[in-house]
Amino acid sequence: MIWSLETCALPCPRVLGMLQSVLQALGLQKRDSSDDMRKVQRREKNRIAAQKSRLRQTQKADTLHLESEDLERQNAALRREIKQLTEEMKHFASMLSSHEPLCSILTCPPPPPEVLYATHSFHQPHISSPRFQH
């Protein structure tokens, strides 16, 4: 009877690997080299795919981190601008409130409507033009 790993009840995978190596060296275990090659190739492809996946995840995380930093800078700049504009608005409001009591435009009554709509001489030739007569 040829001894094989399947009949062994050893729990430790490390021990199984060492035992498999010893059995191969002694020639007691049958091995199909094409199956072994397929396993090696599959493991290599899987290793490369996992490596690419980890690289993509790292690149995506780096990109998100850079975007986050950029948005934080933009947010800080906008907050500074809001603060500056608020201070400017307060300044102008203060200027307006101190100017209102002194302003003659606000304290004088408005002029009569006929002064606002007085006729001007430059309108007369236009109106008397034959083009505008019916």
Protein backbone atom coordinates (compact mmCIF):
# COMPACT_ATOMS: atom_id res chain seq x y z
CA MET A 1 0.00 0.00 0.00
CA ILE A 2 1.22 3.48 -0.90
CA TRP A 3 1.01 5.88 1.95
CA SER A 4 -0.74 9.21 1.17
CA LEU A 5 -1.61 12.45 2.92
CA GLU A 6 -5.32 11.78 2.60
CA THR A 7 -5.06 8.86 5.02
CA CYS A 8 -3.07 10.89 7.55
CA ALA A 9 -5.05 12.62 10.32
CA LEU A 10 -2.46 15.26 11.24
CA PRO A 11 -4.15 18.55 12.07
CA CYS A 12 -1.30 21.01 11.46
CA PRO A 13 -0.95 22.29 7.86
CA ARG A 14 2.74 23.00 8.42
CA VAL A 15 3.33 19.39 9.41
CA LEU A 16 1.30 18.23 6.41
CA GLY A 17 3.45 20.35 4.10
CA MET A 18 6.66 18.93 5.54
CA LEU A 19 5.28 15.39 5.34
CA GLN A 20 4.26 15.94 1.73
CA SER A 21 7.80 17.10 0.90
CA VAL A 22 9.31 14.01 2.56
CA LEU A 23 6.89 11.67 0.75
CA GLN A 24 7.68 13.33 -2.57
CA ALA A 25 11.39 12.94 -1.95
CA LEU A 26 10.91 9.27 -1.17
CA GLY A 27 8.65 8.84 -4.19
CA LEU A 28 5.86 7.36 -2.09
CA GLN A 29 3.21 9.80 -3.21
CA LYS A 30 1.89 10.00 -6.72
CA ARG A 31 1.90 13.52 -8.14
CA ASP A 32 0.43 14.83 -11.30
CA SER A 33 2.80 17.55 -12.54
CA SER A 34 0.16 19.21 -14.74
CA ASP A 35 -2.13 19.64 -11.71
CA ASP A 36 0.76 21.10 -9.75
CA MET A 37 1.57 23.53 -12.56
CA ARG A 38 -2.06 24.63 -12.74
CA LYS A 39 -2.11 25.22 -8.98
CA VAL A 40 1.10 27.23 -9.14
CA GLN A 41 -0.17 29.29 -12.07
CA ARG A 42 -3.53 29.86 -10.41
CA ARG A 43 -1.84 30.96 -7.17
CA GLU A 44 0.46 33.30 -9.09
CA LYS A 45 -2.46 34.84 -11.00
CA ASN A 46 -4.40 35.20 -7.76
CA ARG A 47 -1.39 36.80 -6.05
CA ILE A 48 -0.99 39.31 -8.91
CA ALA A 49 -4.73 40.08 -8.94
CA ALA A 50 -4.73 40.65 -5.18
CA GLN A 51 -1.67 42.88 -5.48
CA LYS A 52 -3.35 44.96 -8.23
CA SER A 53 -6.53 45.21 -6.16
CA ARG A 54 -4.60 46.45 -3.12
CA LEU A 55 -2.77 48.98 -5.31
CA ARG A 56 -6.08 50.28 -6.74
CA GLN A 57 -7.53 50.60 -3.24
CA THR A 58 -4.44 52.51 -2.08
CA GLN A 59 -4.60 54.84 -5.09
CA LYS A 60 -8.31 55.46 -4.53
CA ALA A 61 -7.71 56.22 -0.84
CA ASP A 62 -4.86 58.59 -1.77
CA THR A 63 -7.07 60.38 -4.32
CA LEU A 64 -9.90 60.75 -1.79
CA HIS A 65 -7.44 62.04 0.80
CA LEU A 66 -6.11 64.70 -1.62
CA GLU A 67 -9.65 65.72 -2.57
CA SER A 68 -10.57 65.98 1.10
CA GLU A 69 -7.55 68.20 1.82
CA ASP A 70 -8.40 70.41 -1.17
CA LEU A 71 -12.02 70.77 -0.02
CA GLU A 72 -10.83 71.64 3.50
CA ARG A 73 -8.61 74.41 2.06
CA GLN A 74 -11.47 75.74 -0.06
CA ASN A 75 -13.80 75.65 2.94
CA ALA A 76 -11.30 77.57 5.08
CA ALA A 77 -10.83 80.19 2.33
CA LEU A 78 -14.60 80.62 1.99
CA ARG A 79 -14.98 81.01 5.76
CA ARG A 80 -12.29 83.71 5.75
CA GLU A 81 -14.07 85.48 2.88
CA ILE A 82 -17.42 85.31 4.72
CA LYS A 83 -15.78 86.79 7.82
CA GLN A 84 -14.16 89.60 5.80
CA LEU A 85 -17.41 90.39 3.96
CA THR A 86 -19.36 90.39 7.22
CA GLU A 87 -16.90 92.89 8.71
CA GLU A 88 -17.16 95.03 5.57
CA MET A 89 -20.97 94.93 5.76
CA LYS A 90 -20.86 96.03 9.43
CA HIS A 91 -18.53 98.88 8.50
CA PHE A 92 -20.83 100.11 5.71
CA ALA A 93 -23.91 99.75 7.91
CA SER A 94 -22.18 101.86 10.57
CA MET A 95 -21.23 104.48 7.98
CA LEU A 96 -24.81 104.59 6.69
CA SER A 97 -26.34 104.93 10.15
CA SER A 98 -23.98 107.81 11.00
CA HIS A 99 -24.64 109.50 7.64
CA GLU A 100 -28.45 109.24 7.61
CA PRO A 101 -29.12 112.05 10.14
CA LEU A 102 -26.90 114.42 8.15
CA CYS A 103 -28.10 113.51 4.68
CA SER A 104 -29.96 116.33 2.90
CA ILE A 105 -31.42 113.99 0.33
CA LEU A 106 -33.22 112.00 3.01
CA THR A 107 -34.41 115.05 5.00
CA CYS A 108 -35.65 117.23 2.07
CA PRO A 109 -39.06 116.60 0.51
CA PRO A 110 -38.98 115.31 -3.06
CA PRO A 111 -39.28 117.90 -5.87
CA PRO A 112 -42.62 118.31 -7.62
CA PRO A 113 -43.22 115.89 -10.51
CA GLU A 114 -43.17 118.58 -13.21
CA VAL A 115 -39.56 119.38 -12.37
CA LEU A 116 -38.61 115.77 -12.85
CA TYR A 117 -40.29 115.57 -16.24
CA ALA A 118 -39.58 119.01 -17.71
CA THR A 119 -39.59 119.24 -21.48
CA HIS A 120 -36.30 119.76 -23.19
CA SER A 121 -35.61 121.53 -26.44
CA PHE A 122 -33.87 118.53 -27.94
CA HIS A 123 -37.20 116.65 -27.93
CA GLN A 124 -39.04 119.18 -30.06
CA PRO A 125 -37.50 118.47 -33.51
CA HIS A 126 -38.03 114.80 -32.98
CA ILE A 127 -41.73 115.17 -32.19
CA SER A 128 -42.39 117.64 -35.02
CA SER A 129 -40.66 115.45 -37.54
CA PRO A 130 -42.96 114.43 -40.45
CA ARG A 131 -42.06 110.84 -39.84
CA PHE A 132 -43.97 110.81 -36.54
CA GLN A 133 -47.09 112.62 -37.68
CA HIS A 134 -50.20 110.70 -38.59
